[in-house]
């Protein structure tokens, strides 16, 4: 066979560029053509194509790295450094700002809370004072002259059948006659036996009280029907009546079978003279008695929860004192104040929902001799003495003088008391 040598025409020869030398050197075989083997070895077509694609990809990768390496180093690396410092400073500033702000917020919230509490107490005090002023103005409008100023009004709760008890009090710790008037004028201490009227006003019971009043001038008569089961109503009317007659700092209620040292009583009250809404007494929390027929039975026991529960804390009924604003509150709201069977519970309930300071003073509930006698010898004179078992001095008509001799503070104590 004849070998044909194909040579490019010299006139058509052009410089080889790109992949042309590689392609022109590849021995290809097409249908209809015959080509003699060259000196080099023939490559499969698929391998040539794969080699081309690999070369293309390598070129792309190399060209990308070369382009990135040509960028200025300072430009790429400078930006993070330039941005990092301001960002860090800004974050630090915001963190400190948030921490400082949160601390200030807590302080401001605490101050606001304290201010609101103080404002609430001030508002409560102003409301009480306004109530007192309204009561005074209302009573004055009823043709009553200006009320007598006093330090304390002491109301001794008594009954029609208790004349001997009243006499035992007059003979011991309660001044009588001119001394009683002098005590009111010089010390501002008003003492009265508190009593209502019989179901038939003007009857024999009322006339007996009128005779006793004409002799001693030491009664405060209430517009109230007297009765043991009406003590809550009597207490309510007593405070309302006393507030309308005397402008006192304190109003005291005491039973006629309790021994009282007046000097110690007014000295104790004087310690709380500058404070509003004071409730002083021997605070207790006795059981709620649901069984009928027993003493101190509570018909409304179901209001105090399950059987066997106890009352809320309140002063024992033998003796207690309240400040002027609380007495005025009772006077103004008297028609809507609920009355429980026991008057000390009723008073505690009236004051329970108010901003009141409960003062538990155990000197107001000492026992009879030897208890109060030992305390006198130790220099701790009691305000009041009675027997818990009898809710007063047992057989007080016979024992009041003995208790007074053993536990009394002396006749001059009340006159020397600093009010």
Protein backbone atom coordinates (compact mmCIF):
# COMPACT_ATOMS: atom_id res chain seq x y z
CA UNK A 1 0.00 0.00 0.00
CA UNK A 2 1.09 3.50 -0.62
CA UNK A 3 1.61 5.78 2.27
CA UNK A 4 0.28 9.24 1.75
CA UNK A 5 1.94 12.02 3.68
CA UNK A 6 -0.35 14.90 4.40
CA UNK A 7 1.47 18.14 4.94
CA UNK A 8 -0.06 21.51 5.46
CA UNK A 9 0.22 23.97 2.71
CA UNK A 10 2.87 26.53 3.41
CA UNK A 11 0.55 29.27 2.32
CA UNK A 12 -2.19 28.20 4.77
CA UNK A 13 0.10 27.70 7.74
CA UNK A 14 -0.95 29.64 10.85
CA UNK A 15 0.60 29.76 14.30
CA UNK A 16 -0.88 27.06 16.62
CA UNK A 17 -2.89 28.43 19.48
CA UNK A 18 -4.91 26.91 22.41
CA UNK A 19 -5.54 23.23 22.08
CA UNK A 20 -4.99 23.07 18.26
CA UNK A 21 -1.56 21.33 18.41
CA UNK A 22 -2.99 18.76 20.78
CA UNK A 23 -6.07 18.13 18.61
CA UNK A 24 -4.10 18.00 15.35
CA UNK A 25 -1.78 15.42 16.83
CA UNK A 26 -4.60 13.12 17.95
CA UNK A 27 -5.08 10.24 15.51
CA UNK A 28 -8.82 10.06 14.85
CA UNK A 29 -10.73 7.56 12.80
CA UNK A 30 -13.94 8.59 11.05
CA UNK A 31 -16.15 6.49 8.92
CA UNK A 32 -15.12 6.73 5.25
CA UNK A 33 -11.58 7.69 6.02
CA UNK A 34 -8.48 5.58 6.39
CA UNK A 35 -5.48 6.80 8.18
CA UNK A 36 -2.14 5.17 8.48
CA UNK A 37 -0.60 4.65 11.82
CA UNK A 38 1.71 7.41 12.88
CA UNK A 39 4.90 6.92 14.75
CA UNK A 40 3.09 7.75 18.04
CA UNK A 41 0.63 5.47 19.74
CA UNK A 42 -3.12 5.99 19.20
CA UNK A 43 -5.29 7.11 22.26
CA UNK A 44 -8.96 6.29 22.72
CA UNK A 45 -11.36 9.16 22.11
CA UNK A 46 -12.93 8.89 25.58
CA UNK A 47 -9.57 9.32 27.25
CA UNK A 48 -8.87 12.41 25.22
CA UNK A 49 -12.19 13.97 26.21
CA UNK A 50 -11.64 13.14 29.90
CA UNK A 51 -8.17 14.63 29.76
CA UNK A 52 -9.56 17.80 28.23
CA UNK A 53 -12.18 18.17 30.94
CA UNK A 54 -9.62 17.57 33.69
CA UNK A 55 -7.31 20.18 32.20
CA UNK A 56 -10.21 22.65 32.03
CA UNK A 57 -11.11 22.16 35.69
CA UNK A 58 -7.49 22.45 36.82
CA UNK A 59 -7.22 25.69 34.89
CA UNK A 60 -10.28 27.13 36.63
CA UNK A 61 -8.94 26.24 40.08
CA UNK A 62 -5.51 27.69 39.39
CA UNK A 63 -6.92 30.86 37.89
CA UNK A 64 -9.10 31.44 41.01
CA UNK A 65 -6.16 31.10 43.41
CA UNK A 66 -4.05 33.41 41.30
CA UNK A 67 -6.85 36.04 41.33
CA UNK A 68 -7.25 35.92 45.10
CA UNK A 69 -3.52 36.11 45.69
CA UNK A 70 -3.35 39.22 43.56
CA UNK A 71 -5.68 41.19 45.96
CA UNK A 72 -3.95 43.52 48.48
CA UNK A 73 -3.34 41.81 51.79
CA UNK A 74 -3.90 44.95 53.80
CA UNK A 75 -7.37 45.42 52.29
CA UNK A 76 -8.53 41.87 53.14
CA UNK A 77 -7.01 41.72 56.58
CA UNK A 78 -7.55 45.33 57.55
CA UNK A 79 -11.31 45.30 57.42
CA UNK A 80 -11.84 42.78 60.25
CA UNK A 81 -9.30 44.60 62.39
CA UNK A 82 -10.95 47.91 61.68
CA UNK A 83 -14.43 46.56 62.46
CA UNK A 84 -13.52 44.34 65.42
CA UNK A 85 -12.39 47.12 67.77
CA UNK A 86 -15.48 49.35 67.35
CA UNK A 87 -17.79 46.35 67.62
CA UNK A 88 -16.08 45.16 70.81
CA UNK A 89 -16.20 48.66 72.30
CA UNK A 90 -19.88 49.02 71.34
CA UNK A 91 -20.80 45.64 72.89
CA UNK A 92 -18.88 46.47 76.06
CA UNK A 93 -20.64 49.81 76.30
CA UNK A 94 -24.05 48.22 75.81
CA UNK A 95 -23.32 45.52 78.39
CA UNK A 96 -22.32 48.09 81.00
CA UNK A 97 -25.31 50.19 80.08
CA UNK A 98 -27.70 47.26 80.52
CA UNK A 99 -26.10 46.19 83.81
CA UNK A 100 -26.21 49.71 85.17
CA UNK A 101 -29.75 50.24 83.97
CA UNK A 102 -31.02 46.99 85.54
CA UNK A 103 -29.44 47.91 88.87
CA UNK A 104 -30.97 51.38 88.74
CA UNK A 105 -34.35 49.90 87.85
CA UNK A 106 -34.32 47.63 90.91
CA UNK A 107 -33.40 50.55 93.15
CA UNK A 108 -36.09 52.76 91.63
CA UNK A 109 -38.73 50.02 91.93
CA UNK A 110 -37.82 49.53 95.59
CA UNK A 111 -38.03 53.28 96.25
CA UNK A 112 -41.34 53.48 94.43
CA UNK A 113 -42.75 50.59 96.48
CA UNK A 114 -41.68 52.23 99.73
CA UNK A 115 -43.14 55.54 98.60
CA UNK A 116 -46.45 53.85 97.77
CA UNK A 117 -46.57 52.20 101.19
CA UNK A 118 -45.89 55.51 102.90
CA UNK A 119 -48.52 57.20 100.75
CA UNK A 120 -51.03 54.47 101.57
CA UNK A 121 -50.48 54.94 105.30
CA UNK A 122 -50.73 58.69 104.93
CA UNK A 123 -53.98 58.36 102.98
CA UNK A 124 -55.38 56.03 105.62
CA UNK A 125 -54.43 58.44 108.38
CA UNK A 126 -55.98 61.37 106.51
CA UNK A 127 -59.18 59.41 105.95
CA UNK A 128 -59.39 58.67 109.66
CA UNK A 129 -58.76 62.32 110.55
CA UNK A 130 -61.38 63.40 108.04
CA UNK A 131 -63.84 60.99 109.60
CA UNK A 132 -63.11 62.44 113.04
CA UNK A 133 -63.59 65.97 111.71
CA UNK A 134 -66.90 65.05 110.07
CA UNK A 135 -68.11 63.42 113.27
CA UNK A 136 -67.15 66.46 115.32
CA UNK A 137 -68.86 68.82 112.88
CA UNK A 138 -72.00 66.69 112.77
CA UNK A 139 -72.29 66.52 116.54
CA UNK A 140 -71.60 70.23 116.87
CA UNK A 141 -74.41 70.93 114.44
CA UNK A 142 -76.78 69.23 116.87
CA UNK A 143 -76.53 72.22 119.24
CA UNK A 144 -73.79 70.54 121.27
CA UNK A 145 -71.07 72.94 122.42
CA UNK A 146 -67.42 72.23 121.69
CA UNK A 147 -66.43 68.83 123.00
CA UNK A 148 -64.39 68.52 126.12
CA UNK A 149 -60.76 67.74 125.49
CA UNK A 150 -59.43 64.67 127.31
CA UNK A 151 -56.52 62.31 127.31
CA UNK A 152 -58.49 59.12 127.97
CA UNK A 153 -62.13 58.19 128.45
CA UNK A 154 -62.49 55.06 130.59
CA UNK A 155 -65.86 53.36 130.32
CA UNK A 156 -66.63 50.76 132.99
CA UNK A 157 -69.14 48.29 131.63
CA UNK A 158 -71.82 47.53 134.19
CA UNK A 159 -75.37 46.21 134.53
CA UNK A 160 -78.50 47.00 136.54
CA UNK A 161 -77.78 44.20 139.00
CA UNK A 162 -74.18 45.21 139.62
CA UNK A 163 -74.53 48.01 142.18
CA UNK A 164 -72.34 46.20 144.72
CA UNK A 165 -69.63 45.76 142.09
CA UNK A 166 -69.78 49.46 141.31
CA UNK A 167 -69.47 50.31 144.99
CA UNK A 168 -66.41 48.02 145.32
CA UNK A 169 -64.78 49.90 142.43
CA UNK A 170 -65.59 53.28 143.95
CA UNK A 171 -64.06 52.17 147.23
CA UNK A 172 -60.79 51.05 145.66
CA UNK A 173 -59.20 52.22 142.41
CA UNK A 174 -61.74 54.76 141.09
CA UNK A 175 -61.72 58.33 142.48
CA UNK A 176 -65.08 59.73 143.49
CA UNK A 177 -66.72 63.08 144.07
CA UNK A 178 -64.40 66.08 143.82
CA UNK A 179 -61.38 63.87 143.09
CA UNK A 180 -63.15 62.52 140.01
CA UNK A 181 -63.79 66.04 138.73
CA UNK A 182 -60.24 67.10 139.52
CA UNK A 183 -58.89 64.08 137.63
CA UNK A 184 -60.81 65.18 134.54
CA UNK A 185 -59.71 68.80 134.80
CA UNK A 186 -56.04 68.34 135.67
CA UNK A 187 -55.13 65.05 133.99
CA UNK A 188 -57.74 64.73 131.27
CA UNK A 189 -58.89 61.31 132.56
CA UNK A 190 -62.65 60.73 132.35
CA UNK A 191 -64.14 57.71 134.17
CA UNK A 192 -67.77 56.65 133.82
CA UNK A 193 -69.90 53.59 134.47
CA UNK A 194 -71.53 52.70 131.16
CA UNK A 195 -75.10 51.45 131.12
CA UNK A 196 -78.10 51.37 128.83
CA UNK A 197 -81.79 51.40 129.70
CA UNK A 198 -84.36 48.71 130.46
CA UNK A 199 -86.84 47.36 127.88
CA UNK A 200 -89.41 49.61 129.55
CA UNK A 201 -87.71 53.02 129.85
CA UNK A 202 -88.61 54.83 133.05
CA UNK A 203 -89.21 51.62 134.97
CA UNK A 204 -87.86 50.67 138.37
CA UNK A 205 -84.47 49.66 137.06
CA UNK A 206 -83.95 52.97 135.30
CA UNK A 207 -85.13 54.93 138.33
CA UNK A 208 -82.59 53.10 140.53
CA UNK A 209 -79.80 54.15 138.16
CA UNK A 210 -81.09 57.73 138.19
CA UNK A 211 -80.89 57.77 141.98
CA UNK A 212 -77.36 56.38 141.95
CA UNK A 213 -76.31 58.90 139.29
CA UNK A 214 -77.67 61.80 141.32
CA UNK A 215 -75.52 60.69 144.23
CA UNK A 216 -72.23 59.92 142.42
CA UNK A 217 -72.33 61.72 139.05
CA UNK A 218 -70.33 58.96 137.38
CA UNK A 219 -72.62 57.34 134.77
CA UNK A 220 -72.66 57.45 130.99
CA UNK A 221 -76.14 56.45 129.85
CA UNK A 222 -76.53 54.93 126.41
CA UNK A 223 -79.46 54.73 124.06
CA UNK A 224 -79.33 50.97 124.23
CA UNK A 225 -81.44 48.18 125.72
CA UNK A 226 -79.40 46.54 128.44
CA UNK A 227 -78.78 42.78 128.20
CA UNK A 228 -75.93 40.30 128.40
CA UNK A 229 -76.40 39.07 124.85
CA UNK A 230 -76.30 42.65 123.56
CA UNK A 231 -72.75 43.45 124.68
CA UNK A 232 -71.46 43.85 121.11
CA UNK A 233 -74.12 46.45 120.38
CA UNK A 234 -73.47 48.15 123.71
CA UNK A 235 -69.75 48.38 123.01
CA UNK A 236 -70.40 49.86 119.59
CA UNK A 237 -72.78 52.49 120.99
CA UNK A 238 -70.40 53.27 123.87
CA UNK A 239 -67.58 54.25 121.51
CA UNK A 240 -69.93 56.25 119.29
CA UNK A 241 -71.37 58.12 122.28
CA UNK A 242 -68.00 58.76 123.92
CA UNK A 243 -66.56 60.15 120.66
CA UNK A 244 -69.48 62.55 120.42
CA UNK A 245 -68.96 63.86 123.96
CA UNK A 246 -65.17 63.91 124.49
CA UNK A 247 -62.32 64.64 122.14
CA UNK A 248 -59.90 62.14 123.66
CA UNK A 249 -56.69 60.52 122.51
CA UNK A 250 -57.78 57.10 123.80
CA UNK A 251 -61.01 55.33 124.67
CA UNK A 252 -60.87 52.46 127.16
CA UNK A 253 -63.39 49.77 127.97
CA UNK A 254 -63.09 47.79 131.23
CA UNK A 255 -65.41 45.46 133.13
CA UNK A 256 -66.66 46.29 136.62
CA UNK A 257 -65.03 43.18 138.13
CA UNK A 258 -61.46 44.08 137.08
CA UNK A 259 -58.91 45.91 139.22
CA UNK A 260 -57.11 48.77 137.45
CA UNK A 261 -54.06 50.85 138.38
CA UNK A 262 -54.89 54.17 136.73
CA UNK A 263 -51.34 55.53 136.89
CA UNK A 264 -49.94 52.53 135.03
CA UNK A 265 -52.80 52.61 132.54
CA UNK A 266 -52.32 56.22 131.46
CA UNK A 267 -48.53 55.83 131.45
CA UNK A 268 -48.89 52.88 129.07
CA UNK A 269 -51.27 54.78 126.80
CA UNK A 270 -48.99 57.81 126.74
CA UNK A 271 -46.25 55.75 125.07
CA UNK A 272 -48.45 55.39 121.99
CA UNK A 273 -49.91 58.88 121.95
CA UNK A 274 -48.08 59.94 118.79
CA UNK A 275 -49.07 56.84 116.80
CA UNK A 276 -52.27 56.48 114.80
CA UNK A 277 -54.69 53.54 114.89
CA UNK A 278 -53.57 51.83 118.11
CA UNK A 279 -55.34 48.80 119.60
CA UNK A 280 -53.95 47.86 123.03
CA UNK A 281 -54.80 44.87 125.17
CA UNK A 282 -53.94 41.27 125.96
CA UNK A 283 -54.20 39.64 122.57
CA UNK A 284 -55.60 36.12 122.43
CA UNK A 285 -57.07 33.62 119.98
CA UNK A 286 -59.60 31.41 121.73
CA UNK A 287 -61.55 28.48 120.28
CA UNK A 288 -64.76 29.03 118.32
CA UNK A 289 -67.42 27.20 120.36
CA UNK A 290 -70.09 25.70 118.12
CA UNK A 291 -71.91 23.67 120.78
CA UNK A 292 -75.17 25.24 121.93
CA UNK A 293 -75.72 25.88 125.61
CA UNK A 294 -72.09 26.48 126.54
CA UNK A 295 -70.73 29.80 127.71
CA UNK A 296 -69.41 31.98 124.89
CA UNK A 297 -71.26 29.92 122.27
CA UNK A 298 -70.76 31.36 118.78
CA UNK A 299 -73.93 30.98 116.65
CA UNK A 300 -72.01 32.00 113.54
CA UNK A 301 -69.24 29.45 114.09
CA UNK A 302 -69.45 28.34 110.44
CA UNK A 303 -67.92 31.66 109.34
CA UNK A 304 -64.66 30.74 111.02
CA UNK A 305 -63.99 27.58 109.01
CA UNK A 306 -63.97 23.98 110.15
CA UNK A 307 -65.04 22.84 113.60
CA UNK A 308 -62.27 23.29 116.15
CA UNK A 309 -60.85 26.42 114.55
CA UNK A 310 -59.82 29.46 116.55
CA UNK A 311 -60.75 33.11 116.33
CA UNK A 312 -58.44 35.66 114.76
CA UNK A 313 -56.16 37.50 117.20
CA UNK A 314 -58.01 40.08 119.32
CA UNK A 315 -57.81 41.71 122.74
CA UNK A 316 -59.48 40.00 125.66
CA UNK A 317 -62.70 41.71 126.68
CA UNK A 318 -61.86 42.48 130.32
CA UNK A 319 -59.94 45.62 129.35
CA UNK A 320 -58.64 47.18 126.14
CA UNK A 321 -58.02 50.61 124.63
CA UNK A 322 -58.28 52.08 121.14
CA UNK A 323 -57.03 55.39 119.77
CA UNK A 324 -59.25 58.27 118.69
CA UNK A 325 -59.25 57.51 114.97
CA UNK A 326 -60.43 53.93 115.55
CA UNK A 327 -63.20 55.07 117.88
CA UNK A 328 -64.28 57.58 115.23
CA UNK A 329 -64.27 54.82 112.61
CA UNK A 330 -66.61 52.74 114.79
CA UNK A 331 -68.85 55.75 115.37
CA UNK A 332 -69.19 56.58 111.68
CA UNK A 333 -69.67 53.01 110.50
CA UNK A 334 -71.73 51.84 113.46
CA UNK A 335 -74.87 50.91 111.44
CA UNK A 336 -72.99 48.47 109.20
CA UNK A 337 -70.58 46.88 111.68
CA UNK A 338 -71.46 43.23 112.20
CA UNK A 339 -71.99 42.03 115.75
CA UNK A 340 -70.86 38.60 116.86
CA UNK A 341 -72.04 36.96 120.08
CA UNK A 342 -68.90 37.98 121.98
CA UNK A 343 -68.10 41.69 122.14
CA UNK A 344 -64.31 41.28 122.18
CA UNK A 345 -64.54 39.20 118.99
CA UNK A 346 -66.78 41.84 117.44
CA UNK A 347 -64.28 44.62 118.16
CA UNK A 348 -61.46 42.53 116.75
CA UNK A 349 -63.51 41.90 113.60
CA UNK A 350 -64.25 45.62 113.15
CA UNK A 351 -60.55 46.44 113.24
CA UNK A 352 -59.25 43.37 111.42
CA UNK A 353 -59.38 44.85 107.92
CA UNK A 354 -57.86 48.20 108.89
CA UNK A 355 -54.27 49.40 109.02
CA UNK A 356 -54.12 48.95 112.82
CA UNK A 357 -51.21 48.34 115.17
CA UNK A 358 -52.08 45.57 117.62
CA UNK A 359 -50.22 46.03 120.89
CA UNK A 360 -50.10 42.90 123.03
CA UNK A 361 -49.50 44.24 126.55
CA UNK A 362 -49.45 41.46 129.12
CA UNK A 363 -49.50 43.91 132.04
CA UNK A 364 -53.17 44.40 131.21
CA UNK A 365 -54.06 40.83 132.17
CA UNK A 366 -52.21 39.96 135.36
CA UNK A 367 -53.66 37.44 137.75
CA UNK A 368 -54.92 38.23 141.21
CA UNK A 369 -52.64 37.67 144.25
CA UNK A 370 -50.13 36.20 144.47
CA UNK A 371 -49.37 36.90 140.78
CA UNK A 372 -49.87 40.66 140.75
CA UNK A 373 -48.46 40.93 144.29
CA UNK A 374 -45.14 39.35 143.25
CA UNK A 375 -44.93 41.71 140.30
CA UNK A 376 -45.47 44.74 142.51
CA UNK A 377 -42.68 43.57 144.82
CA UNK A 378 -40.43 43.20 141.78
CA UNK A 379 -41.25 46.73 140.66
CA UNK A 380 -43.47 45.66 137.76
CA UNK A 381 -46.84 47.08 138.68
CA UNK A 382 -49.70 45.71 136.56
CA UNK A 383 -52.19 47.78 134.61
CA UNK A 384 -55.05 45.40 135.37
CA UNK A 385 -55.63 42.22 137.40
CA UNK A 386 -58.36 39.56 137.24
CA UNK A 387 -58.92 35.80 137.29
CA UNK A 388 -59.02 34.10 133.91
CA UNK A 389 -61.22 31.34 135.29
CA UNK A 390 -63.95 33.84 136.14
CA UNK A 391 -63.30 36.33 133.27
CA UNK A 392 -62.88 38.84 136.07
CA UNK A 393 -62.06 38.80 139.76
CA UNK A 394 -63.88 35.84 141.25
CA UNK A 395 -66.39 37.16 143.80
CA UNK A 396 -65.15 40.66 143.06
CA UNK A 397 -67.45 42.32 145.59
CA UNK A 398 -65.62 40.53 148.39
CA UNK A 399 -62.11 40.38 146.91
CA UNK A 400 -61.69 43.75 145.14
CA UNK A 401 -60.38 45.44 148.28
CA UNK A 402 -57.88 42.66 148.96
CA UNK A 403 -56.57 42.82 145.41
CA UNK A 404 -56.27 46.60 145.69
CA UNK A 405 -54.33 46.40 148.94
CA UNK A 406 -51.93 43.79 147.56
CA UNK A 407 -51.51 44.98 143.98
CA UNK A 408 -52.46 48.67 144.04
CA UNK A 409 -49.95 51.30 142.94
CA UNK A 410 -50.87 53.88 145.59
CA UNK A 411 -53.26 56.82 145.49
CA UNK A 412 -50.68 59.34 144.26
CA UNK A 413 -49.52 57.33 141.25
CA UNK A 414 -52.12 58.65 138.83
CA UNK A 415 -51.50 62.24 139.88
CA UNK A 416 -47.78 61.87 139.29
CA UNK A 417 -48.13 60.09 135.95
CA UNK A 418 -46.57 61.96 133.05
CA UNK A 419 -49.00 62.17 130.13
